[in-house]
Amino acid sequence: MNIYRKNPLSAGRVVDGLAFVVTAEDNKLHTLNVTGTELWRLAQSSEGVSIDSGASKLVELFKVELSLAKEDVAECLQAYASSGILIEE
């Protein structure tokens, strides 16, 4: 199971429930939606975030089906890893 963590070279802050993250590699500002912000918060924890743990949290928060949450979380985490917001271990 892959674990995603905050890229130590990225910097971010949550303002009014949305995360704003700057990636060092390209100096871009990324604005994350509510779902992405929750995943980013989880990625900052000592455990990091996996597809399963992220999906479980989204089911709890948004009352969506687990299978849909897993698909969305997998896509989101991969996109964040590709853009340098997160690192995949």
PDB file of N, CA and C in Angstrom:
ATOM      1  N   MET A   1       0.839  -1.181   0.000  1.00  0.00           N
ATOM      2  CA  MET A   1       0.000   0.000   0.000  1.00  0.00           C
ATOM      3  C   MET A   1       0.885   1.247   0.000  1.00  0.00           C
ATOM      4  N   ASN A   2       0.685   2.133  -0.952  1.00  0.00           N
ATOM      5  CA  ASN A   2       1.473   3.351  -1.055  1.00  0.00           C
ATOM      6  C   ASN A   2       0.984   4.379  -0.048  1.00  0.00           C
ATOM      7  N   ILE A   3       1.938   5.081   0.529  1.00  0.00           N
ATOM      8  CA  ILE A   3       1.650   6.157   1.463  1.00  0.00           C
ATOM      9  C   ILE A   3       2.112   7.459   0.819  1.00  0.00           C
ATOM     10  N   TYR A   4       1.294   8.467   0.947  1.00  0.00           N
ATOM     11  CA  TYR A   4       1.609   9.786   0.417  1.00  0.00           C
ATOM     12  C   TYR A   4       1.832  10.732   1.587  1.00  0.00           C
ATOM     13  N   ARG A   5       2.859  11.556   1.459  1.00  0.00           N
ATOM     14  CA  ARG A   5       3.189  12.538   2.499  1.00  0.00           C
ATOM     15  C   ARG A   5       3.425  13.898   1.847  1.00  0.00           C
ATOM     16  N   LYS A   6       3.307  14.926   2.658  1.00  0.00           N
ATOM     17  CA  LYS A   6       3.595  16.277   2.176  1.00  0.00           C
ATOM     18  C   LYS A   6       5.037  16.325   1.698  1.00  0.00           C
ATOM     19  N   ASN A   7       5.232  16.892   0.540  1.00  0.00           N
ATOM     20  CA  ASN A   7       6.575  17.101   0.020  1.00  0.00           C
ATOM     21  C   ASN A   7       7.266  18.108   0.941  1.00  0.00           C
ATOM     22  N   PRO A   8       8.412  17.748   1.526  1.00  0.00           N
ATOM     23  CA  PRO A   8       9.071  18.683   2.438  1.00  0.00           C
ATOM     24  C   PRO A   8       9.534  19.974   1.765  1.00  0.00           C
ATOM     25  N   LEU A   9       9.597  19.983   0.447  1.00  0.00           N
ATOM     26  CA  LEU A   9       9.991  21.186  -0.270  1.00  0.00           C
ATOM     27  C   LEU A   9       8.814  22.088  -0.618  1.00  0.00           C
ATOM     28  N   SER A  10       7.587  21.612  -0.359  1.00  0.00           N
ATOM     29  CA  SER A  10       6.411  22.444  -0.628  1.00  0.00           C
ATOM     30  C   SER A  10       6.004  23.173   0.648  1.00  0.00           C
ATOM     31  N   ALA A  11       5.336  24.283   0.473  1.00  0.00           N
ATOM     32  CA  ALA A  11       4.854  25.071   1.610  1.00  0.00           C
ATOM     33  C   ALA A  11       3.390  25.385   1.370  1.00  0.00           C
ATOM     34  N   GLY A  12       2.626  25.369   2.432  1.00  0.00           N
ATOM     35  CA  GLY A  12       1.207  25.641   2.251  1.00  0.00           C
ATOM     36  C   GLY A  12       0.544  26.123   3.513  1.00  0.00           C
ATOM     37  N   ARG A  13      -0.662  26.612   3.313  1.00  0.00           N
ATOM     38  CA  ARG A  13      -1.463  27.126   4.401  1.00  0.00           C
ATOM     39  C   ARG A  13      -2.926  26.918   4.060  1.00  0.00           C
ATOM     40  N   VAL A  14      -3.743  26.688   5.071  1.00  0.00           N
ATOM     41  CA  VAL A  14      -5.184  26.566   4.877  1.00  0.00           C
ATOM     42  C   VAL A  14      -5.817  27.887   5.283  1.00  0.00           C
ATOM     43  N   VAL A  15      -6.604  28.453   4.357  1.00  0.00           N
ATOM     44  CA  VAL A  15      -7.312  29.707   4.592  1.00  0.00           C
ATOM     45  C   VAL A  15      -8.765  29.498   4.212  1.00  0.00           C
ATOM     46  N   ASP A  16      -9.653  29.767   5.141  1.00  0.00           N
ATOM     47  CA  ASP A  16     -11.091  29.601   4.909  1.00  0.00           C
ATOM     48  C   ASP A  16     -11.434  28.213   4.367  1.00  0.00           C
ATOM     49  N   GLY A  17     -10.761  27.190   4.891  1.00  0.00           N
ATOM     50  CA  GLY A  17     -11.072  25.810   4.531  1.00  0.00           C
ATOM     51  C   GLY A  17     -10.443  25.309   3.249  1.00  0.00           C
ATOM     52  N   LEU A  18      -9.639  26.130   2.589  1.00  0.00           N
ATOM     53  CA  LEU A  18      -8.966  25.709   1.356  1.00  0.00           C
ATOM     54  C   LEU A  18      -7.466  25.809   1.533  1.00  0.00           C
ATOM     55  N   ALA A  19      -6.748  24.807   1.024  1.00  0.00           N
ATOM     56  CA  ALA A  19      -5.286  24.822   1.105  1.00  0.00           C
ATOM     57  C   ALA A  19      -4.707  25.527  -0.112  1.00  0.00           C
ATOM     58  N   PHE A  20      -3.693  26.321   0.158  1.00  0.00           N
ATOM     59  CA  PHE A  20      -2.910  26.986  -0.877  1.00  0.00           C
ATOM     60  C   PHE A  20      -1.488  26.472  -0.701  1.00  0.00           C
ATOM     61  N   VAL A  21      -0.977  25.789  -1.732  1.00  0.00           N
ATOM     62  CA  VAL A  21       0.312  25.115  -1.634  1.00  0.00           C
ATOM     63  C   VAL A  21       1.219  25.619  -2.752  1.00  0.00           C
ATOM     64  N   VAL A  22       2.450  25.961  -2.376  1.00  0.00           N
ATOM     65  CA  VAL A  22       3.463  26.365  -3.350  1.00  0.00           C
ATOM     66  C   VAL A  22       4.454  25.224  -3.485  1.00  0.00           C
ATOM     67  N   THR A  23       4.679  24.804  -4.727  1.00  0.00           N
ATOM     68  CA  THR A  23       5.657  23.749  -4.991  1.00  0.00           C
ATOM     69  C   THR A  23       6.978  24.391  -5.389  1.00  0.00           C
ATOM     70  N   ALA A  24       8.044  23.928  -4.751  1.00  0.00           N
ATOM     71  CA  ALA A  24       9.361  24.537  -4.932  1.00  0.00           C
ATOM     72  C   ALA A  24       9.958  24.274  -6.305  1.00  0.00           C
ATOM     73  N   GLU A  25       9.676  23.093  -6.861  1.00  0.00           N
ATOM     74  CA  GLU A  25      10.304  22.726  -8.130  1.00  0.00           C
ATOM     75  C   GLU A  25       9.945  23.687  -9.260  1.00  0.00           C
ATOM     76  N   ASP A  26       8.696  24.166  -9.250  1.00  0.00           N
ATOM     77  CA  ASP A  26       8.249  25.048 -10.339  1.00  0.00           C
ATOM     78  C   ASP A  26       7.719  26.382  -9.840  1.00  0.00           C
ATOM     79  N   ASN A  27       7.764  26.599  -8.523  1.00  0.00           N
ATOM     80  CA  ASN A  27       7.317  27.847  -7.912  1.00  0.00           C
ATOM     81  C   ASN A  27       5.869  28.190  -8.281  1.00  0.00           C
ATOM     82  N   LYS A  28       5.006  27.172  -8.343  1.00  0.00           N
ATOM     83  CA  LYS A  28       3.598  27.374  -8.675  1.00  0.00           C
ATOM     84  C   LYS A  28       2.750  27.351  -7.414  1.00  0.00           C
ATOM     85  N   LEU A  29       1.689  28.143  -7.435  1.00  0.00           N
ATOM     86  CA  LEU A  29       0.711  28.147  -6.363  1.00  0.00           C
ATOM     87  C   LEU A  29      -0.451  27.262  -6.779  1.00  0.00           C
ATOM     88  N   HIS A  30      -0.782  26.286  -5.939  1.00  0.00           N
ATOM     89  CA  HIS A  30      -1.887  25.360  -6.191  1.00  0.00           C
ATOM     90  C   HIS A  30      -2.981  25.635  -5.167  1.00  0.00           C
ATOM     91  N   THR A  31      -4.186  25.825  -5.625  1.00  0.00           N
ATOM     92  CA  THR A  31      -5.335  26.002  -4.738  1.00  0.00           C
ATOM     93  C   THR A  31      -6.115  24.695  -4.729  1.00  0.00           C
ATOM     94  N   LEU A  32      -6.226  24.085  -3.546  1.00  0.00           N
ATOM     95  CA  LEU A  32      -6.905  22.800  -3.428  1.00  0.00           C
ATOM     96  C   LEU A  32      -8.345  23.002  -2.996  1.00  0.00           C
ATOM     97  N   ASN A  33      -9.243  22.198  -3.542  1.00  0.00           N
ATOM     98  CA  ASN A  33     -10.645  22.272  -3.123  1.00  0.00           C
ATOM     99  C   ASN A  33     -10.795  21.623  -1.749  1.00  0.00           C
ATOM    100  N   VAL A  34     -12.007  21.554  -1.247  1.00  0.00           N
ATOM    101  CA  VAL A  34     -12.248  21.030   0.099  1.00  0.00           C
ATOM    102  C   VAL A  34     -11.760  19.593   0.233  1.00  0.00           C
ATOM    103  N   THR A  35     -12.030  18.773  -0.757  1.00  0.00           N
ATOM    104  CA  THR A  35     -11.590  17.379  -0.729  1.00  0.00           C
ATOM    105  C   THR A  35     -10.066  17.295  -0.760  1.00  0.00           C
ATOM    106  N   GLY A  36      -9.456  18.017  -1.659  1.00  0.00           N
ATOM    107  CA  GLY A  36      -8.002  18.031  -1.755  1.00  0.00           C
ATOM    108  C   GLY A  36      -7.345  18.562  -0.495  1.00  0.00           C
ATOM    109  N   THR A  37      -7.971  19.555   0.110  1.00  0.00           N
ATOM    110  CA  THR A  37      -7.449  20.114   1.359  1.00  0.00           C
ATOM    111  C   THR A  37      -7.453  19.068   2.459  1.00  0.00           C
ATOM    112  N   GLU A  38      -8.507  18.287   2.550  1.00  0.00           N
ATOM    113  CA  GLU A  38      -8.573  17.234   3.574  1.00  0.00           C
ATOM    114  C   GLU A  38      -7.489  16.184   3.336  1.00  0.00           C
ATOM    115  N   LEU A  39      -7.263  15.807   2.093  1.00  0.00           N
ATOM    116  CA  LEU A  39      -6.203  14.841   1.785  1.00  0.00           C
ATOM    117  C   LEU A  39      -4.831  15.424   2.104  1.00  0.00           C
ATOM    118  N   TRP A  40      -4.634  16.703   1.830  1.00  0.00           N
ATOM    119  CA  TRP A  40      -3.360  17.360   2.117  1.00  0.00           C
ATOM    120  C   TRP A  40      -3.115  17.394   3.628  1.00  0.00           C
ATOM    121  N   ARG A  41      -4.174  17.668   4.396  1.00  0.00           N
ATOM    122  CA  ARG A  41      -4.047  17.650   5.856  1.00  0.00           C
ATOM    123  C   ARG A  41      -3.642  16.259   6.343  1.00  0.00           C
ATOM    124  N   LEU A  42      -4.288  15.229   5.801  1.00  0.00           N
ATOM    125  CA  LEU A  42      -3.948  13.862   6.191  1.00  0.00           C
ATOM    126  C   LEU A  42      -2.506  13.522   5.822  1.00  0.00           C
ATOM    127  N   ALA A  43      -2.058  14.004   4.683  1.00  0.00           N
ATOM    128  CA  ALA A  43      -0.699  13.725   4.223  1.00  0.00           C
ATOM    129  C   ALA A  43       0.344  14.359   5.134  1.00  0.00           C
ATOM    130  N   GLN A  44      -0.031  15.394   5.853  1.00  0.00           N
ATOM    131  CA  GLN A  44       0.893  16.059   6.767  1.00  0.00           C
ATOM    132  C   GLN A  44       1.035  15.330   8.105  1.00  0.00           C
ATOM    133  N   SER A  45       0.134  14.387   8.371  1.00  0.00           N
ATOM    134  CA  SER A  45       0.194  13.650   9.636  1.00  0.00           C
ATOM    135  C   SER A  45       1.387  12.707   9.632  1.00  0.00           C
ATOM    136  N   SER A  46       1.746  12.207  10.797  1.00  0.00           N
ATOM    137  CA  SER A  46       2.896  11.303  10.892  1.00  0.00           C
ATOM    138  C   SER A  46       2.656   9.998  10.135  1.00  0.00           C
ATOM    139  N   GLU A  47       1.383   9.603   9.974  1.00  0.00           N
ATOM    140  CA  GLU A  47       1.060   8.370   9.246  1.00  0.00           C
ATOM    141  C   GLU A  47       0.997   8.572   7.745  1.00  0.00           C
ATOM    142  N   GLY A  48       0.870   9.812   7.299  1.00  0.00           N
ATOM    143  CA  GLY A  48       0.646  10.067   5.888  1.00  0.00           C
ATOM    144  C   GLY A  48      -0.764   9.642   5.506  1.00  0.00           C
ATOM    145  N   VAL A  49      -1.023   9.538   4.226  1.00  0.00           N
ATOM    146  CA  VAL A  49      -2.353   9.142   3.754  1.00  0.00           C
ATOM    147  C   VAL A  49      -2.211   8.088   2.665  1.00  0.00           C
ATOM    148  N   SER A  50      -3.049   7.083   2.745  1.00  0.00           N
ATOM    149  CA  SER A  50      -3.124   6.052   1.706  1.00  0.00           C
ATOM    150  C   SER A  50      -4.454   6.230   0.989  1.00  0.00           C
ATOM    151  N   ILE A  51      -4.636   5.503  -0.076  1.00  0.00           N
ATOM    152  CA  ILE A  51      -5.920   5.557  -0.777  1.00  0.00           C
ATOM    153  C   ILE A  51      -7.040   5.120   0.160  1.00  0.00           C
ATOM    154  N   ASP A  52      -6.804   4.046   0.912  1.00  0.00           N
ATOM    155  CA  ASP A  52      -7.838   3.544   1.820  1.00  0.00           C
ATOM    156  C   ASP A  52      -8.155   4.509   2.947  1.00  0.00           C
ATOM    157  N   SER A  53      -7.121   5.070   3.582  1.00  0.00           N
ATOM    158  CA  SER A  53      -7.385   5.979   4.701  1.00  0.00           C
ATOM    159  C   SER A  53      -8.021   7.277   4.221  1.00  0.00           C
ATOM    160  N   GLY A  54      -7.583   7.761   3.062  1.00  0.00           N
ATOM    161  CA  GLY A  54      -8.188   8.972   2.504  1.00  0.00           C
ATOM    162  C   GLY A  54      -9.637   8.752   2.115  1.00  0.00           C
ATOM    163  N   ALA A  55      -9.914   7.609   1.496  1.00  0.00           N
ATOM    164  CA  ALA A  55     -11.289   7.298   1.101  1.00  0.00           C
ATOM    165  C   ALA A  55     -12.189   7.156   2.323  1.00  0.00           C
ATOM    166  N   SER A  56     -11.692   6.507   3.360  1.00  0.00           N
ATOM    167  CA  SER A  56     -12.490   6.348   4.580  1.00  0.00           C
ATOM    168  C   SER A  56     -12.837   7.700   5.187  1.00  0.00           C
ATOM    169  N   LYS A  57     -11.885   8.614   5.183  1.00  0.00           N
ATOM    170  CA  LYS A  57     -12.132   9.957   5.730  1.00  0.00           C
ATOM    171  C   LYS A  57     -13.169  10.693   4.886  1.00  0.00           C
ATOM    172  N   LEU A  58     -13.091  10.569   3.573  1.00  0.00           N
ATOM    173  CA  LEU A  58     -14.052  11.255   2.711  1.00  0.00           C
ATOM    174  C   LEU A  58     -15.449  10.668   2.853  1.00  0.00           C
ATOM    175  N   VAL A  59     -15.544   9.358   3.044  1.00  0.00           N
ATOM    176  CA  VAL A  59     -16.845   8.731   3.289  1.00  0.00           C
ATOM    177  C   VAL A  59     -17.447   9.290   4.573  1.00  0.00           C
ATOM    178  N   GLU A  60     -16.614   9.408   5.595  1.00  0.00           N
ATOM    179  CA  GLU A  60     -17.059   9.944   6.886  1.00  0.00           C
ATOM    180  C   GLU A  60     -17.532  11.396   6.759  1.00  0.00           C
ATOM    181  N   LEU A  61     -16.773  12.196   6.043  1.00  0.00           N
ATOM    182  CA  LEU A  61     -17.083  13.625   5.942  1.00  0.00           C
ATOM    183  C   LEU A  61     -18.213  13.944   4.977  1.00  0.00           C
ATOM    184  N   PHE A  62     -18.233  13.258   3.833  1.00  0.00           N
ATOM    185  CA  PHE A  62     -19.129  13.654   2.754  1.00  0.00           C
ATOM    186  C   PHE A  62     -20.216  12.631   2.425  1.00  0.00           C
ATOM    187  N   LYS A  63     -20.214  11.505   3.128  1.00  0.00           N
ATOM    188  CA  LYS A  63     -21.255  10.476   2.941  1.00  0.00           C
ATOM    189  C   LYS A  63     -21.351  10.001   1.494  1.00  0.00           C
ATOM    190  N   VAL A  64     -20.201   9.732   0.894  1.00  0.00           N
ATOM    191  CA  VAL A  64     -20.153   9.190  -0.466  1.00  0.00           C
ATOM    192  C   VAL A  64     -19.886   7.697  -0.382  1.00  0.00           C
ATOM    193  N   GLU A  65     -20.095   6.994  -1.478  1.00  0.00           N
ATOM    194  CA  GLU A  65     -19.834   5.559  -1.497  1.00  0.00           C
ATOM    195  C   GLU A  65     -18.328   5.301  -1.483  1.00  0.00           C
ATOM    196  N   LEU A  66     -17.932   4.255  -0.770  1.00  0.00           N
ATOM    197  CA  LEU A  66     -16.519   3.940  -0.607  1.00  0.00           C
ATOM    198  C   LEU A  66     -15.826   3.688  -1.945  1.00  0.00           C
ATOM    199  N   SER A  67     -16.460   2.972  -2.841  1.00  0.00           N
ATOM    200  CA  SER A  67     -15.815   2.659  -4.127  1.00  0.00           C
ATOM    201  C   SER A  67     -15.549   3.933  -4.932  1.00  0.00           C
ATOM    202  N   LEU A  68     -16.484   4.855  -4.922  1.00  0.00           N
ATOM    203  CA  LEU A  68     -16.303   6.139  -5.619  1.00  0.00           C
ATOM    204  C   LEU A  68     -15.211   6.956  -4.940  1.00  0.00           C
ATOM    205  N   ALA A  69     -15.224   6.973  -3.616  1.00  0.00           N
ATOM    206  CA  ALA A  69     -14.208   7.714  -2.872  1.00  0.00           C
ATOM    207  C   ALA A  69     -12.817   7.177  -3.177  1.00  0.00           C
ATOM    208  N   LYS A  70     -12.659   5.862  -3.248  1.00  0.00           N
ATOM    209  CA  LYS A  70     -11.350   5.270  -3.536  1.00  0.00           C
ATOM    210  C   LYS A  70     -10.848   5.690  -4.916  1.00  0.00           C
ATOM    211  N   GLU A  71     -11.725   5.685  -5.904  1.00  0.00           N
ATOM    212  CA  GLU A  71     -11.330   6.102  -7.258  1.00  0.00           C
ATOM    213  C   GLU A  71     -10.878   7.555  -7.261  1.00  0.00           C
ATOM    214  N   ASP A  72     -11.667   8.410  -6.624  1.00  0.00           N
ATOM    215  CA  ASP A  72     -11.352   9.843  -6.600  1.00  0.00           C
ATOM    216  C   ASP A  72     -10.070  10.126  -5.820  1.00  0.00           C
ATOM    217  N   VAL A  73      -9.897   9.456  -4.689  1.00  0.00           N
ATOM    218  CA  VAL A  73      -8.697   9.661  -3.877  1.00  0.00           C
ATOM    219  C   VAL A  73      -7.458   9.188  -4.633  1.00  0.00           C
ATOM    220  N   ALA A  74      -7.528   8.042  -5.274  1.00  0.00           N
ATOM    221  CA  ALA A  74      -6.381   7.539  -6.045  1.00  0.00           C
ATOM    222  C   ALA A  74      -5.981   8.540  -7.123  1.00  0.00           C
ATOM    223  N   GLU A  75      -6.946   9.058  -7.831  1.00  0.00           N
ATOM    224  CA  GLU A  75      -6.668  10.037  -8.889  1.00  0.00           C
ATOM    225  C   GLU A  75      -6.063  11.313  -8.312  1.00  0.00           C
ATOM    226  N   CYS A  76      -6.629  11.780  -7.221  1.00  0.00           N
ATOM    227  CA  CYS A  76      -6.175  13.018  -6.596  1.00  0.00           C
ATOM    228  C   CYS A  76      -4.747  12.874  -6.051  1.00  0.00           C
ATOM    229  N   LEU A  77      -4.478  11.805  -5.323  1.00  0.00           N
ATOM    230  CA  LEU A  77      -3.152  11.615  -4.751  1.00  0.00           C
ATOM    231  C   LEU A  77      -2.087  11.478  -5.833  1.00  0.00           C
ATOM    232  N   GLN A  78      -2.407  10.781  -6.907  1.00  0.00           N
ATOM    233  CA  GLN A  78      -1.456  10.656  -8.022  1.00  0.00           C
ATOM    234  C   GLN A  78      -1.175  12.019  -8.656  1.00  0.00           C
ATOM    235  N   ALA A  79      -2.226  12.804  -8.831  1.00  0.00           N
ATOM    236  CA  ALA A  79      -2.056  14.138  -9.422  1.00  0.00           C
ATOM    237  C   ALA A  79      -1.206  15.026  -8.521  1.00  0.00           C
ATOM    238  N   TYR A  80      -1.440  14.956  -7.217  1.00  0.00           N
ATOM    239  CA  TYR A  80      -0.657  15.764  -6.277  1.00  0.00           C
ATOM    240  C   TYR A  80       0.798  15.306  -6.229  1.00  0.00           C
ATOM    241  N   ALA A  81       1.026  14.006  -6.346  1.00  0.00           N
ATOM    242  CA  ALA A  81       2.408  13.504  -6.378  1.00  0.00           C
ATOM    243  C   ALA A  81       3.100  13.951  -7.673  1.00  0.00           C
ATOM    244  N   SER A  82       2.386  13.904  -8.771  1.00  0.00           N
ATOM    245  CA  SER A  82       2.956  14.325 -10.058  1.00  0.00           C
ATOM    246  C   SER A  82       3.311  15.808 -10.079  1.00  0.00           C
ATOM    247  N   SER A  83       2.513  16.612  -9.371  1.00  0.00           N
ATOM    248  CA  SER A  83       2.744  18.051  -9.376  1.00  0.00           C
ATOM    249  C   SER A  83       3.722  18.504  -8.289  1.00  0.00           C
ATOM    250  N   GLY A  84       4.161  17.577  -7.421  1.00  0.00           N
ATOM    251  CA  GLY A  84       5.132  17.929  -6.394  1.00  0.00           C
ATOM    252  C   GLY A  84       4.555  18.381  -5.073  1.00  0.00           C
ATOM    253  N   ILE A  85       3.242  18.315  -4.934  1.00  0.00           N
ATOM    254  CA  ILE A  85       2.609  18.694  -3.672  1.00  0.00           C
ATOM    255  C   ILE A  85       2.865  17.613  -2.624  1.00  0.00           C
ATOM    256  N   LEU A  86       2.779  16.361  -3.049  1.00  0.00           N
ATOM    257  CA  LEU A  86       3.011  15.205  -2.177  1.00  0.00           C
ATOM    258  C   LEU A  86       4.144  14.369  -2.718  1.00  0.00           C
ATOM    259  N   ILE A  87       4.683  13.511  -1.858  1.00  0.00           N
ATOM    260  CA  ILE A  87       5.632  12.496  -2.307  1.00  0.00           C
ATOM    261  C   ILE A  87       5.017  11.131  -2.019  1.00  0.00           C
ATOM    262  N   GLU A  88       5.303  10.173  -2.876  1.00  0.00           N
ATOM    263  CA  GLU A  88       4.771   8.820  -2.737  1.00  0.00           C
ATOM    264  C   GLU A  88       5.858   7.909  -2.204  1.00  0.00           C
ATOM    265  N   GLU A  89       5.524   7.165  -1.162  1.00  0.00           N
ATOM    266  CA  GLU A  89       6.501   6.230  -0.581  1.00  0.00           C
ATOM    267  C   GLU A  89       6.062   4.805  -0.825  1.00  0.00           C
TER     268      GLU A  89
END
